[in-house]
């Protein structure tokens, strides 16, 4: 499967990997259940790919809303649900 995308920010430490995607929606959603599902799916795909590259540490995802700014971590369960058939 081919995947084409660009990660906005990738933080790799000895303990974990964090992928961050910047979003410019105005106004920014105030809760995860109001986030466009396409954004969660995009983060889930990044996490799935990065888990293969970094199998020795947890991979996490978050959105940064530039309107604020506001950091919004995405729970692992939500990422997994986005990839479920």
Protein backbone atom coordinates (compact mmCIF):
# COMPACT_ATOMS: atom_id res chain seq x y z
CA UNK A 1 0.00 0.00 0.00
CA UNK A 2 1.33 3.42 -0.90
CA UNK A 3 0.91 6.29 1.54
CA UNK A 4 1.59 9.89 0.67
CA UNK A 5 1.67 12.54 3.37
CA UNK A 6 3.77 15.04 5.23
CA UNK A 7 4.19 15.01 8.99
CA UNK A 8 4.24 18.55 10.36
CA UNK A 9 6.29 17.75 13.47
CA UNK A 10 7.90 14.52 14.64
CA UNK A 11 9.45 14.23 18.09
CA UNK A 12 11.52 11.10 18.67
CA UNK A 13 12.91 10.45 22.14
CA UNK A 14 14.33 7.30 23.71
CA UNK A 15 10.97 6.81 25.48
CA UNK A 16 8.38 7.62 22.82
CA UNK A 17 7.52 9.02 19.41
CA UNK A 18 5.08 11.91 19.04
CA UNK A 19 3.59 12.94 15.71
CA UNK A 20 1.97 16.36 15.61
CA UNK A 21 -0.26 17.73 12.88
CA UNK A 22 -0.94 21.47 12.73
CA UNK A 23 -4.49 22.56 11.86
CA UNK A 24 -5.66 26.08 11.04
CA UNK A 25 -9.43 25.71 11.39
CA UNK A 26 -11.07 28.79 12.87
CA UNK A 27 -12.55 28.46 15.31
CA UNK A 28 -10.74 25.36 16.53
CA UNK A 29 -12.96 22.59 17.87
CA UNK A 30 -13.26 22.61 21.64
CA UNK A 31 -13.38 18.81 22.03
CA UNK A 32 -12.14 15.70 20.25
CA UNK A 33 -15.65 14.59 19.34
CA UNK A 34 -15.96 17.77 17.24
CA UNK A 35 -12.78 17.13 15.23
CA UNK A 36 -13.20 16.23 11.55
CA UNK A 37 -12.85 12.41 11.37
CA UNK A 38 -10.49 12.85 8.41
CA UNK A 39 -7.97 14.53 10.73
CA UNK A 40 -8.11 11.63 13.17
CA UNK A 41 -7.74 9.14 10.32
CA UNK A 42 -4.72 11.04 9.00
CA UNK A 43 -3.07 10.89 12.44
CA UNK A 44 -3.96 7.20 12.76
CA UNK A 45 -2.22 6.41 9.46
CA UNK A 46 0.90 8.31 10.57
CA UNK A 47 0.92 6.39 13.86
CA UNK A 48 0.51 3.04 12.10
CA UNK A 49 3.47 3.74 9.82
CA UNK A 50 5.65 5.09 12.63
CA UNK A 51 4.94 2.04 14.81
CA UNK A 52 6.64 -0.06 12.14
CA UNK A 53 9.63 2.28 12.10
CA UNK A 54 9.88 2.50 15.90
CA UNK A 55 8.66 -0.86 17.23
CA UNK A 56 10.56 -0.38 20.50
CA UNK A 57 8.56 2.59 21.81
CA UNK A 58 5.01 3.92 21.98
CA UNK A 59 3.85 6.20 19.18
CA UNK A 60 1.41 8.97 20.07
CA UNK A 61 -0.41 11.61 18.05
CA UNK A 62 -1.73 15.10 18.71
CA UNK A 63 -3.28 17.97 16.82
CA UNK A 64 -2.11 21.53 17.33
CA UNK A 65 -4.76 24.09 16.53
CA UNK A 66 -3.14 27.35 15.50
CA UNK A 67 -6.27 29.21 16.57
CA UNK A 68 -5.46 29.41 20.23
CA UNK A 69 -2.97 27.75 20.05
CA UNK A 70 -4.19 24.51 21.58
CA UNK A 71 -2.60 21.05 21.85
CA UNK A 72 -5.11 18.20 21.54
CA UNK A 73 -3.70 14.69 22.13
CA UNK A 74 -5.60 11.92 20.37
CA UNK A 75 -6.20 8.83 22.54
CA UNK A 76 -4.89 5.51 21.23
CA UNK A 77 -8.40 4.02 21.22
CA UNK A 78 -9.63 6.79 18.92
CA UNK A 79 -6.71 6.24 16.54
CA UNK A 80 -7.37 2.49 16.43
CA UNK A 81 -11.09 3.05 15.82
CA UNK A 82 -10.31 5.33 12.88
CA UNK A 83 -8.46 2.46 11.16
CA UNK A 84 -11.05 -0.22 11.96
CA UNK A 85 -12.86 -1.66 8.94
